[in-house]
Structure formats: C-alpha cells, structure tokens
Amino acid sequence: MRNTNNKKKGIGHFEFTSAWDGNCAFAGHNRGAAAYFAFVKDLAVGDRIIYTTPYGKRTYEVYNKVKISETDYSGLGWSPTNIISLITCVANESAYRYLVQAYELR
C-alpha cells in the first residue's frame, strides 16, 4: 500500500497482494470517523470473516492474531492457499498494529 490517503475513505488494499487468490491483505482504522476495521481488534482465533467482492464471496476462519511492529510486513507474503490478512492499529500504541489472519473455509 503506497498511498495511505485511501484509508481516509475506507479500507486500504496492499497492492503487492491479490484481491482474490492467495494472501489478500488489507489495512484500516478501527477508531474515529473512518473506523471500517473497528471489528478487527476484537477478532479471536476461530472467528469467521466473510469477504465479498465482485469476484464472489468467501468465508474465512481466523487462525492467527498477533501484535506486530508498524513496519512489519512479513505476514503479507505470498501464500499457496487462500488467506486474508487484516491490519489495524493498537489503541495508544502507535508503534504497533494487530495482524489478523484467516484461512478460507471450503
């Protein structure tokens, strides 16, 4: 994701990831007027995420939730299976982000 202004209007897509296959990665705010990712900080292992696009609809199950450095993009690499990676801020800890990852249910 190069242009961080897109998060002011909604959710930002990391352009080096797919929007449908493999690791689909997105970032968004969880507080304030653009709190489209307010739910992400509350996700837990086993929770489900429904992802709907013009390509179709997929259901994912959370398998990983970690606090990472704001510069850590290691969880956004290529994946041979369909996963979704969501990043959002940690309240009052500007140097950290939550990374939530979920695999596609079939």
PDB file of N, CA and C in Angstrom:
ATOM      1  N   MET A   1       0.863  -1.152   0.000  1.00  0.00           N
ATOM      2  CA  MET A   1       0.000   0.000   0.000  1.00  0.00           C
ATOM      3  C   MET A   1       0.908   1.213   0.000  1.00  0.00           C
ATOM      4  N   ARG A   2       0.868   1.996  -1.036  1.00  0.00           N
ATOM      5  CA  ARG A   2       1.730   3.169  -1.126  1.00  0.00           C
ATOM      6  C   ARG A   2       1.029   4.440  -0.680  1.00  0.00           C
ATOM      7  N   ASN A   3      -0.195   4.616  -1.078  1.00  0.00           N
ATOM      8  CA  ASN A   3      -0.908   5.843  -0.769  1.00  0.00           C
ATOM      9  C   ASN A   3      -1.774   5.618   0.463  1.00  0.00           C
ATOM     10  N   THR A   4      -1.372   6.176   1.595  1.00  0.00           N
ATOM     11  CA  THR A   4      -2.127   5.971   2.828  1.00  0.00           C
ATOM     12  C   THR A   4      -3.403   6.803   2.873  1.00  0.00           C
ATOM     13  N   ASN A   5      -3.592   7.725   1.939  1.00  0.00           N
ATOM     14  CA  ASN A   5      -4.819   8.509   1.919  1.00  0.00           C
ATOM     15  C   ASN A   5      -6.042   7.659   1.632  1.00  0.00           C
ATOM     16  N   ASN A   6      -5.880   6.489   0.986  1.00  0.00           N
ATOM     17  CA  ASN A   6      -7.043   5.663   0.688  1.00  0.00           C
ATOM     18  C   ASN A   6      -7.709   5.150   1.962  1.00  0.00           C
ATOM     19  N   LYS A   7      -7.005   5.057   3.076  1.00  0.00           N
ATOM     20  CA  LYS A   7      -7.616   4.637   4.331  1.00  0.00           C
ATOM     21  C   LYS A   7      -8.541   5.706   4.898  1.00  0.00           C
ATOM     22  N   LYS A   8      -8.403   6.960   4.463  1.00  0.00           N
ATOM     23  CA  LYS A   8      -9.310   8.005   4.907  1.00  0.00           C
ATOM     24  C   LYS A   8     -10.703   7.800   4.325  1.00  0.00           C
ATOM     25  N   LYS A   9     -10.782   7.106   3.205  1.00  0.00           N
ATOM     26  CA  LYS A   9     -12.052   6.864   2.529  1.00  0.00           C
ATOM     27  C   LYS A   9     -12.593   5.465   2.800  1.00  0.00           C
ATOM     28  N   GLY A  10     -11.810   4.618   3.400  1.00  0.00           N
ATOM     29  CA  GLY A  10     -12.261   3.251   3.646  1.00  0.00           C
ATOM     30  C   GLY A  10     -11.110   2.359   4.011  1.00  0.00           C
ATOM     31  N   ILE A  11     -11.078   1.208   3.404  1.00  0.00           N
ATOM     32  CA  ILE A  11     -10.065   0.198   3.682  1.00  0.00           C
ATOM     33  C   ILE A  11      -9.012   0.238   2.588  1.00  0.00           C
ATOM     34  N   GLY A  12      -7.734   0.118   2.982  1.00  0.00           N
ATOM     35  CA  GLY A  12      -6.643   0.112   2.020  1.00  0.00           C
ATOM     36  C   GLY A  12      -6.221  -1.312   1.679  1.00  0.00           C
ATOM     37  N   HIS A  13      -5.976  -1.558   0.404  1.00  0.00           N
ATOM     38  CA  HIS A  13      -5.511  -2.863  -0.068  1.00  0.00           C
ATOM     39  C   HIS A  13      -4.008  -2.775  -0.312  1.00  0.00           C
ATOM     40  N   PHE A  14      -3.256  -3.737   0.196  1.00  0.00           N
ATOM     41  CA  PHE A  14      -1.824  -3.774  -0.066  1.00  0.00           C
ATOM     42  C   PHE A  14      -1.647  -4.226  -1.510  1.00  0.00           C
ATOM     43  N   GLU A  15      -1.200  -3.312  -2.358  1.00  0.00           N
ATOM     44  CA  GLU A  15      -1.188  -3.562  -3.802  1.00  0.00           C
ATOM     45  C   GLU A  15      -0.261  -4.693  -4.226  1.00  0.00           C
ATOM     46  N   PHE A  16       0.651  -5.112  -3.380  1.00  0.00           N
ATOM     47  CA  PHE A  16       1.517  -6.235  -3.733  1.00  0.00           C
ATOM     48  C   PHE A  16       0.877  -7.577  -3.377  1.00  0.00           C
ATOM     49  N   THR A  17      -0.389  -7.551  -2.921  1.00  0.00           N
ATOM     50  CA  THR A  17      -1.140  -8.788  -2.672  1.00  0.00           C
ATOM     51  C   THR A  17      -2.333  -8.835  -3.605  1.00  0.00           C
ATOM     52  N   SER A  18      -2.860 -10.021  -3.789  1.00  0.00           N
ATOM     53  CA  SER A  18      -4.028 -10.218  -4.641  1.00  0.00           C
ATOM     54  C   SER A  18      -5.279  -9.703  -3.938  1.00  0.00           C
ATOM     55  N   ALA A  19      -6.303  -9.443  -4.715  1.00  0.00           N
ATOM     56  CA  ALA A  19      -7.598  -9.086  -4.137  1.00  0.00           C
ATOM     57  C   ALA A  19      -8.509 -10.305  -4.054  1.00  0.00           C
ATOM     58  N   TRP A  20      -8.022 -11.475  -4.548  1.00  0.00           N
ATOM     59  CA  TRP A  20      -8.888 -12.651  -4.544  1.00  0.00           C
ATOM     60  C   TRP A  20      -8.165 -13.955  -4.196  1.00  0.00           C
ATOM     61  N   ASP A  21      -7.049 -14.256  -4.805  1.00  0.00           N
ATOM     62  CA  ASP A  21      -6.363 -15.527  -4.567  1.00  0.00           C
ATOM     63  C   ASP A  21      -5.101 -15.343  -3.732  1.00  0.00           C
ATOM     64  N   GLY A  22      -4.725 -16.407  -3.002  1.00  0.00           N
ATOM     65  CA  GLY A  22      -3.522 -16.340  -2.181  1.00  0.00           C
ATOM     66  C   GLY A  22      -3.758 -15.506  -0.939  1.00  0.00           C
ATOM     67  N   ASN A  23      -2.785 -14.671  -0.589  1.00  0.00           N
ATOM     68  CA  ASN A  23      -2.874 -13.806   0.590  1.00  0.00           C
ATOM     69  C   ASN A  23      -3.444 -12.454   0.177  1.00  0.00           C
ATOM     70  N   CYS A  24      -4.666 -12.188   0.554  1.00  0.00           N
ATOM     71  CA  CYS A  24      -5.332 -10.900   0.289  1.00  0.00           C
ATOM     72  C   CYS A  24      -5.163 -10.060   1.552  1.00  0.00           C
ATOM     73  N   ALA A  25      -4.469  -8.933   1.439  1.00  0.00           N
ATOM     74  CA  ALA A  25      -4.125  -8.161   2.633  1.00  0.00           C
ATOM     75  C   ALA A  25      -4.691  -6.744   2.582  1.00  0.00           C
ATOM     76  N   PHE A  26      -5.256  -6.320   3.709  1.00  0.00           N
ATOM     77  CA  PHE A  26      -5.924  -5.024   3.807  1.00  0.00           C
ATOM     78  C   PHE A  26      -5.585  -4.357   5.134  1.00  0.00           C
ATOM     79  N   ALA A  27      -5.673  -3.035   5.162  1.00  0.00           N
ATOM     80  CA  ALA A  27      -5.469  -2.260   6.386  1.00  0.00           C
ATOM     81  C   ALA A  27      -6.587  -1.246   6.529  1.00  0.00           C
ATOM     82  N   GLY A  28      -6.898  -0.918   7.765  1.00  0.00           N
ATOM     83  CA  GLY A  28      -7.931   0.081   8.010  1.00  0.00           C
ATOM     84  C   GLY A  28      -7.896   0.561   9.445  1.00  0.00           C
ATOM     85  N   HIS A  29      -8.504   1.711   9.668  1.00  0.00           N
ATOM     86  CA  HIS A  29      -8.578   2.284  11.012  1.00  0.00           C
ATOM     87  C   HIS A  29      -9.670   1.585  11.817  1.00  0.00           C
ATOM     88  N   ASN A  30      -9.488   1.549  13.131  1.00  0.00           N
ATOM     89  CA  ASN A  30     -10.530   0.955  13.981  1.00  0.00           C
ATOM     90  C   ASN A  30     -11.139   1.953  14.958  1.00  0.00           C
ATOM     91  N   ARG A  31     -10.781   3.230  14.794  1.00  0.00           N
ATOM     92  CA  ARG A  31     -11.363   4.286  15.628  1.00  0.00           C
ATOM     93  C   ARG A  31     -11.595   5.514  14.763  1.00  0.00           C
ATOM     94  N   GLY A  32     -12.424   6.409  15.233  1.00  0.00           N
ATOM     95  CA  GLY A  32     -12.669   7.656  14.526  1.00  0.00           C
ATOM     96  C   GLY A  32     -13.723   7.530  13.431  1.00  0.00           C
ATOM     97  N   ALA A  33     -13.787   8.541  12.589  1.00  0.00           N
ATOM     98  CA  ALA A  33     -14.814   8.610  11.547  1.00  0.00           C
ATOM     99  C   ALA A  33     -14.658   7.536  10.483  1.00  0.00           C
ATOM    100  N   ALA A  34     -13.434   7.062  10.251  1.00  0.00           N
ATOM    101  CA  ALA A  34     -13.182   6.051   9.220  1.00  0.00           C
ATOM    102  C   ALA A  34     -12.868   4.704   9.857  1.00  0.00           C
ATOM    103  N   ALA A  35     -13.644   4.315  10.864  1.00  0.00           N
ATOM    104  CA  ALA A  35     -13.367   3.096  11.633  1.00  0.00           C
ATOM    105  C   ALA A  35     -13.959   1.853  10.965  1.00  0.00           C
ATOM    106  N   TYR A  36     -13.618   1.632   9.718  1.00  0.00           N
ATOM    107  CA  TYR A  36     -14.141   0.489   8.976  1.00  0.00           C
ATOM    108  C   TYR A  36     -13.626  -0.841   9.521  1.00  0.00           C
ATOM    109  N   PHE A  37     -12.505  -0.822  10.228  1.00  0.00           N
ATOM    110  CA  PHE A  37     -11.937  -2.035  10.803  1.00  0.00           C
ATOM    111  C   PHE A  37     -12.138  -2.089  12.318  1.00  0.00           C
ATOM    112  N   ALA A  38     -13.201  -1.487  12.834  1.00  0.00           N
ATOM    113  CA  ALA A  38     -13.462  -1.492  14.272  1.00  0.00           C
ATOM    114  C   ALA A  38     -13.575  -2.913  14.815  1.00  0.00           C
ATOM    115  N   PHE A  39     -14.044  -3.838  14.010  1.00  0.00           N
ATOM    116  CA  PHE A  39     -14.236  -5.228  14.448  1.00  0.00           C
ATOM    117  C   PHE A  39     -12.934  -6.018  14.535  1.00  0.00           C
ATOM    118  N   VAL A  40     -11.894  -5.601  13.815  1.00  0.00           N
ATOM    119  CA  VAL A  40     -10.673  -6.399  13.689  1.00  0.00           C
ATOM    120  C   VAL A  40      -9.968  -6.570  15.029  1.00  0.00           C
ATOM    121  N   LYS A  41      -9.897  -5.521  15.830  1.00  0.00           N
ATOM    122  CA  LYS A  41      -9.199  -5.604  17.113  1.00  0.00           C
ATOM    123  C   LYS A  41      -9.866  -6.593  18.065  1.00  0.00           C
ATOM    124  N   ASP A  42     -11.131  -6.911  17.826  1.00  0.00           N
ATOM    125  CA  ASP A  42     -11.878  -7.813  18.698  1.00  0.00           C
ATOM    126  C   ASP A  42     -11.935  -9.247  18.184  1.00  0.00           C
ATOM    127  N   LEU A  43     -11.387  -9.507  17.005  1.00  0.00           N
ATOM    128  CA  LEU A  43     -11.415 -10.867  16.463  1.00  0.00           C
ATOM    129  C   LEU A  43     -10.544 -11.809  17.295  1.00  0.00           C
ATOM    130  N   ALA A  44     -10.939 -13.059  17.333  1.00  0.00           N
ATOM    131  CA  ALA A  44     -10.192 -14.093  18.064  1.00  0.00           C
ATOM    132  C   ALA A  44     -10.072 -15.327  17.188  1.00  0.00           C
ATOM    133  N   VAL A  45      -9.123 -16.181  17.516  1.00  0.00           N
ATOM    134  CA  VAL A  45      -8.948 -17.432  16.786  1.00  0.00           C
ATOM    135  C   VAL A  45     -10.276 -18.197  16.801  1.00  0.00           C
ATOM    136  N   GLY A  46     -10.677 -18.659  15.617  1.00  0.00           N
ATOM    137  CA  GLY A  46     -11.929 -19.387  15.468  1.00  0.00           C
ATOM    138  C   GLY A  46     -13.073 -18.540  14.931  1.00  0.00           C
ATOM    139  N   ASP A  47     -12.954 -17.206  15.026  1.00  0.00           N
ATOM    140  CA  ASP A  47     -13.990 -16.329  14.476  1.00  0.00           C
ATOM    141  C   ASP A  47     -14.007 -16.423  12.959  1.00  0.00           C
ATOM    142  N   ARG A  48     -15.131 -16.076  12.371  1.00  0.00           N
ATOM    143  CA  ARG A  48     -15.279 -16.136  10.916  1.00  0.00           C
ATOM    144  C   ARG A  48     -15.349 -14.738  10.320  1.00  0.00           C
ATOM    145  N   ILE A  49     -14.812 -14.623   9.109  1.00  0.00           N
ATOM    146  CA  ILE A  49     -14.827 -13.382   8.343  1.00  0.00           C
ATOM    147  C   ILE A  49     -15.443 -13.697   6.991  1.00  0.00           C
ATOM    148  N   ILE A  50     -16.404 -12.901   6.568  1.00  0.00           N
ATOM    149  CA  ILE A  50     -16.995 -13.058   5.237  1.00  0.00           C
ATOM    150  C   ILE A  50     -16.460 -11.930   4.368  1.00  0.00           C
ATOM    151  N   TYR A  51     -15.887 -12.307   3.237  1.00  0.00           N
ATOM    152  CA  TYR A  51     -15.256 -11.367   2.304  1.00  0.00           C
ATOM    153  C   TYR A  51     -16.044 -11.418   0.996  1.00  0.00           C
ATOM    154  N   THR A  52     -16.642 -10.283   0.622  1.00  0.00           N
ATOM    155  CA  THR A  52     -17.464 -10.212  -0.580  1.00  0.00           C
ATOM    156  C   THR A  52     -16.863  -9.211  -1.548  1.00  0.00           C
ATOM    157  N   THR A  53     -16.674  -9.636  -2.796  1.00  0.00           N
ATOM    158  CA  THR A  53     -16.124  -8.792  -3.852  1.00  0.00           C
ATOM    159  C   THR A  53     -16.906  -9.043  -5.134  1.00  0.00           C
ATOM    160  N   PRO A  54     -16.608  -8.285  -6.194  1.00  0.00           N
ATOM    161  CA  PRO A  54     -17.228  -8.591  -7.489  1.00  0.00           C
ATOM    162  C   PRO A  54     -16.850  -9.989  -8.004  1.00  0.00           C
ATOM    163  N   TYR A  55     -15.753 -10.562  -7.480  1.00  0.00           N
ATOM    164  CA  TYR A  55     -15.327 -11.902  -7.885  1.00  0.00           C
ATOM    165  C   TYR A  55     -16.171 -12.999  -7.236  1.00  0.00           C
ATOM    166  N   GLY A  56     -16.775 -12.680  -6.098  1.00  0.00           N
ATOM    167  CA  GLY A  56     -17.564 -13.660  -5.368  1.00  0.00           C
ATOM    168  C   GLY A  56     -17.488 -13.435  -3.871  1.00  0.00           C
ATOM    169  N   LYS A  57     -17.879 -14.443  -3.119  1.00  0.00           N
ATOM    170  CA  LYS A  57     -17.937 -14.353  -1.657  1.00  0.00           C
ATOM    171  C   LYS A  57     -17.175 -15.543  -1.071  1.00  0.00           C
ATOM    172  N   ARG A  58     -16.344 -15.265  -0.065  1.00  0.00           N
ATOM    173  CA  ARG A  58     -15.594 -16.312   0.616  1.00  0.00           C
ATOM    174  C   ARG A  58     -15.739 -16.150   2.125  1.00  0.00           C
ATOM    175  N   THR A  59     -15.699 -17.282   2.816  1.00  0.00           N
ATOM    176  CA  THR A  59     -15.737 -17.288   4.275  1.00  0.00           C
ATOM    177  C   THR A  59     -14.397 -17.799   4.777  1.00  0.00           C
ATOM    178  N   TYR A  60     -13.849 -17.088   5.752  1.00  0.00           N
ATOM    179  CA  TYR A  60     -12.541 -17.402   6.321  1.00  0.00           C
ATOM    180  C   TYR A  60     -12.681 -17.632   7.819  1.00  0.00           C
ATOM    181  N   GLU A  61     -11.745 -18.412   8.385  1.00  0.00           N
ATOM    182  CA  GLU A  61     -11.699 -18.630   9.830  1.00  0.00           C
ATOM    183  C   GLU A  61     -10.360 -18.144  10.372  1.00  0.00           C
ATOM    184  N   VAL A  62     -10.415 -17.314  11.406  1.00  0.00           N
ATOM    185  CA  VAL A  62      -9.203 -16.736  11.999  1.00  0.00           C
ATOM    186  C   VAL A  62      -8.349 -17.833  12.636  1.00  0.00           C
ATOM    187  N   TYR A  63      -7.066 -17.828  12.271  1.00  0.00           N
ATOM    188  CA  TYR A  63      -6.115 -18.774  12.864  1.00  0.00           C
ATOM    189  C   TYR A  63      -4.948 -18.067  13.550  1.00  0.00           C
ATOM    190  N   ASN A  64      -4.813 -16.752  13.373  1.00  0.00           N
ATOM    191  CA  ASN A  64      -3.663 -16.037  13.921  1.00  0.00           C
ATOM    192  C   ASN A  64      -4.051 -14.597  14.242  1.00  0.00           C
ATOM    193  N   LYS A  65      -3.691 -14.158  15.439  1.00  0.00           N
ATOM    194  CA  LYS A  65      -3.844 -12.744  15.810  1.00  0.00           C
ATOM    195  C   LYS A  65      -2.625 -12.369  16.633  1.00  0.00           C
ATOM    196  N   VAL A  66      -1.823 -11.446  16.116  1.00  0.00           N
ATOM    197  CA  VAL A  66      -0.601 -11.036  16.798  1.00  0.00           C
ATOM    198  C   VAL A  66      -0.454  -9.520  16.750  1.00  0.00           C
ATOM    199  N   LYS A  67       0.311  -9.011  17.698  1.00  0.00           N
ATOM    200  CA  LYS A  67       0.680  -7.591  17.698  1.00  0.00           C
ATOM    201  C   LYS A  67       2.049  -7.500  17.037  1.00  0.00           C
ATOM    202  N   ILE A  68       2.151  -6.647  16.011  1.00  0.00           N
ATOM    203  CA  ILE A  68       3.390  -6.520  15.247  1.00  0.00           C
ATOM    204  C   ILE A  68       3.859  -5.068  15.247  1.00  0.00           C
ATOM    205  N   SER A  69       5.101  -4.871  14.874  1.00  0.00           N
ATOM    206  CA  SER A  69       5.645  -3.533  14.689  1.00  0.00           C
ATOM    207  C   SER A  69       4.934  -2.868  13.515  1.00  0.00           C
ATOM    208  N   GLU A  70       4.821  -1.566  13.540  1.00  0.00           N
ATOM    209  CA  GLU A  70       4.156  -0.850  12.448  1.00  0.00           C
ATOM    210  C   GLU A  70       4.871  -1.022  11.109  1.00  0.00           C
ATOM    211  N   THR A  71       6.114  -1.464  11.124  1.00  0.00           N
ATOM    212  CA  THR A  71       6.876  -1.660   9.890  1.00  0.00           C
ATOM    213  C   THR A  71       7.031  -3.131   9.510  1.00  0.00           C
ATOM    214  N   ASP A  72       6.370  -4.023  10.209  1.00  0.00           N
ATOM    215  CA  ASP A  72       6.488  -5.461   9.952  1.00  0.00           C
ATOM    216  C   ASP A  72       5.449  -5.897   8.920  1.00  0.00           C
ATOM    217  N   TYR A  73       5.910  -6.215   7.730  1.00  0.00           N
ATOM    218  CA  TYR A  73       5.028  -6.685   6.664  1.00  0.00           C
ATOM    219  C   TYR A  73       5.270  -8.159   6.353  1.00  0.00           C
ATOM    220  N   SER A  74       5.955  -8.871   7.225  1.00  0.00           N
ATOM    221  CA  SER A  74       6.321 -10.260   6.955  1.00  0.00           C
ATOM    222  C   SER A  74       5.108 -11.180   6.822  1.00  0.00           C
ATOM    223  N   GLY A  75       4.011 -10.842   7.426  1.00  0.00           N
ATOM    224  CA  GLY A  75       2.807 -11.670   7.334  1.00  0.00           C
ATOM    225  C   GLY A  75       2.014 -11.460   6.062  1.00  0.00           C
ATOM    226  N   LEU A  76       2.514 -10.612   5.176  1.00  0.00           N
ATOM    227  CA  LEU A  76       1.760 -10.276   3.971  1.00  0.00           C
ATOM    228  C   LEU A  76       2.324 -10.913   2.714  1.00  0.00           C
ATOM    229  N   GLY A  77       3.234 -11.861   2.888  1.00  0.00           N
ATOM    230  CA  GLY A  77       3.848 -12.515   1.744  1.00  0.00           C
ATOM    231  C   GLY A  77       2.905 -13.448   1.006  1.00  0.00           C
ATOM    232  N   TRP A  78       3.396 -13.984  -0.100  1.00  0.00           N
ATOM    233  CA  TRP A  78       2.643 -14.886  -0.945  1.00  0.00           C
ATOM    234  C   TRP A  78       2.197 -16.118  -0.168  1.00  0.00           C
ATOM    235  N   SER A  79       1.027 -16.639  -0.508  1.00  0.00           N
ATOM    236  CA  SER A  79       0.516 -17.860   0.113  1.00  0.00           C
ATOM    237  C   SER A  79      -0.044 -18.775  -0.970  1.00  0.00           C
ATOM    238  N   PRO A  80       0.266 -20.074  -0.911  1.00  0.00           N
ATOM    239  CA  PRO A  80      -0.286 -21.002  -1.891  1.00  0.00           C
ATOM    240  C   PRO A  80      -1.766 -21.306  -1.644  1.00  0.00           C
ATOM    241  N   THR A  81      -2.238 -20.995  -0.431  1.00  0.00           N
ATOM    242  CA  THR A  81      -3.653 -21.187  -0.105  1.00  0.00           C
ATOM    243  C   THR A  81      -4.314 -19.834   0.074  1.00  0.00           C
ATOM    244  N   ASN A  82      -5.622 -19.805   0.011  1.00  0.00           N
ATOM    245  CA  ASN A  82      -6.344 -18.549   0.158  1.00  0.00           C
ATOM    246  C   ASN A  82      -6.464 -18.159   1.629  1.00  0.00           C
ATOM    247  N   ILE A  83      -5.841 -17.031   1.957  1.00  0.00           N
ATOM    248  CA  ILE A  83      -5.946 -16.463   3.295  1.00  0.00           C
ATOM    249  C   ILE A  83      -6.265 -14.981   3.160  1.00  0.00           C
ATOM    250  N   ILE A  84      -6.730 -14.408   4.230  1.00  0.00           N
ATOM    251  CA  ILE A  84      -6.952 -12.962   4.280  1.00  0.00           C
ATOM    252  C   ILE A  84      -6.182 -12.438   5.478  1.00  0.00           C
ATOM    253  N   SER A  85      -5.479 -11.319   5.280  1.00  0.00           N
ATOM    254  CA  SER A  85      -4.688 -10.692   6.340  1.00  0.00           C
ATOM    255  C   SER A  85      -5.219  -9.285   6.560  1.00  0.00           C
ATOM    256  N   LEU A  86      -5.570  -8.980   7.793  1.00  0.00           N
ATOM    257  CA  LEU A  86      -6.130  -7.676   8.146  1.00  0.00           C
ATOM    258  C   LEU A  86      -5.223  -7.005   9.162  1.00  0.00           C
ATOM    259  N   ILE A  87      -4.899  -5.736   8.917  1.00  0.00           N
ATOM    260  CA  ILE A  87      -4.042  -4.973   9.825  1.00  0.00           C
ATOM    261  C   ILE A  87      -4.788  -3.741  10.300  1.00  0.00           C
ATOM    262  N   THR A  88      -4.712  -3.493  11.603  1.00  0.00           N
ATOM    263  CA  THR A  88      -5.313  -2.294  12.182  1.00  0.00           C
ATOM    264  C   THR A  88      -4.476  -1.839  13.364  1.00  0.00           C
ATOM    265  N   CYS A  89      -4.669  -0.609  13.788  1.00  0.00           N
ATOM    266  CA  CYS A  89      -3.842  -0.034  14.841  1.00  0.00           C
ATOM    267  C   CYS A  89      -4.170  -0.620  16.216  1.00  0.00           C
ATOM    268  N   VAL A  90      -3.239  -0.425  17.139  1.00  0.00           N
ATOM    269  CA  VAL A  90      -3.402  -0.806  18.538  1.00  0.00           C
ATOM    270  C   VAL A  90      -3.618   0.491  19.307  1.00  0.00           C
ATOM    271  N   ALA A  91      -4.693   0.575  20.057  1.00  0.00           N
ATOM    272  CA  ALA A  91      -5.030   1.800  20.786  1.00  0.00           C
ATOM    273  C   ALA A  91      -3.884   2.244  21.685  1.00  0.00           C
ATOM    274  N   ASN A  92      -3.509   3.502  21.569  1.00  0.00           N
ATOM    275  CA  ASN A  92      -2.486   4.143  22.394  1.00  0.00           C
ATOM    276  C   ASN A  92      -1.097   3.531  22.268  1.00  0.00           C
ATOM    277  N   GLU A  93      -0.847   2.785  21.194  1.00  0.00           N
ATOM    278  CA  GLU A  93       0.470   2.207  20.935  1.00  0.00           C
ATOM    279  C   GLU A  93       0.794   2.410  19.461  1.00  0.00           C
ATOM    280  N   SER A  94       1.178   3.622  19.101  1.00  0.00           N
ATOM    281  CA  SER A  94       1.351   3.988  17.693  1.00  0.00           C
ATOM    282  C   SER A  94       2.432   3.194  16.970  1.00  0.00           C
ATOM    283  N   ALA A  95       3.332   2.554  17.677  1.00  0.00           N
ATOM    284  CA  ALA A  95       4.397   1.776  17.042  1.00  0.00           C
ATOM    285  C   ALA A  95       3.967   0.343  16.716  1.00  0.00           C
ATOM    286  N   TYR A  96       2.713  -0.010  17.054  1.00  0.00           N
ATOM    287  CA  TYR A  96       2.261  -1.387  16.862  1.00  0.00           C
ATOM    288  C   TYR A  96       0.955  -1.467  16.087  1.00  0.00           C
ATOM    289  N   ARG A  97       0.719  -2.643  15.495  1.00  0.00           N
ATOM    290  CA  ARG A  97      -0.502  -2.946  14.761  1.00  0.00           C
ATOM    291  C   ARG A  97      -0.942  -4.359  15.135  1.00  0.00           C
ATOM    292  N   TYR A  98      -2.233  -4.628  14.974  1.00  0.00           N
ATOM    293  CA  TYR A  98      -2.720  -6.002  15.064  1.00  0.00           C
ATOM    294  C   TYR A  98      -2.709  -6.578  13.663  1.00  0.00           C
ATOM    295  N   LEU A  99      -2.234  -7.802  13.550  1.00  0.00           N
ATOM    296  CA  LEU A  99      -2.317  -8.569  12.308  1.00  0.00           C
ATOM    297  C   LEU A  99      -3.218  -9.767  12.602  1.00  0.00           C
ATOM    298  N   VAL A 100      -4.320  -9.826  11.878  1.00  0.00           N
ATOM    299  CA  VAL A 100      -5.242 -10.951  11.986  1.00  0.00           C
ATOM    300  C   VAL A 100      -5.222 -11.696  10.663  1.00  0.00           C
ATOM    301  N   GLN A 101      -5.045 -13.013  10.734  1.00  0.00           N
ATOM    302  CA  GLN A 101      -5.024 -13.826   9.512  1.00  0.00           C
ATOM    303  C   GLN A 101      -6.056 -14.948   9.629  1.00  0.00           C
ATOM    304  N   ALA A 102      -6.678 -15.233   8.486  1.00  0.00           N
ATOM    305  CA  ALA A 102      -7.709 -16.259   8.441  1.00  0.00           C
ATOM    306  C   ALA A 102      -7.590 -17.061   7.152  1.00  0.00           C
ATOM    307  N   TYR A 103      -7.886 -18.349   7.221  1.00  0.00           N
ATOM    308  CA  TYR A 103      -7.827 -19.191   6.028  1.00  0.00           C
ATOM    309  C   TYR A 103      -9.235 -19.428   5.499  1.00  0.00           C
ATOM    310  N   GLU A 104      -9.309 -19.670   4.198  1.00  0.00           N
ATOM    311  CA  GLU A 104     -10.597 -19.889   3.550  1.00  0.00           C
ATOM    312  C   GLU A 104     -11.185 -21.233   3.976  1.00  0.00           C
ATOM    313  N   LEU A 105     -12.468 -21.205   4.308  1.00  0.00           N
ATOM    314  CA  LEU A 105     -13.187 -22.442   4.591  1.00  0.00           C
ATOM    315  C   LEU A 105     -13.780 -22.962   3.290  1.00  0.00           C
ATOM    316  N   ARG A 106     -13.735 -24.231   3.100  1.00  0.00           N
ATOM    317  CA  ARG A 106     -14.284 -24.831   1.863  1.00  0.00           C
ATOM    318  C   ARG A 106     -15.403 -25.767   2.180  1.00  0.00           C
TER     319      ARG A 106
END
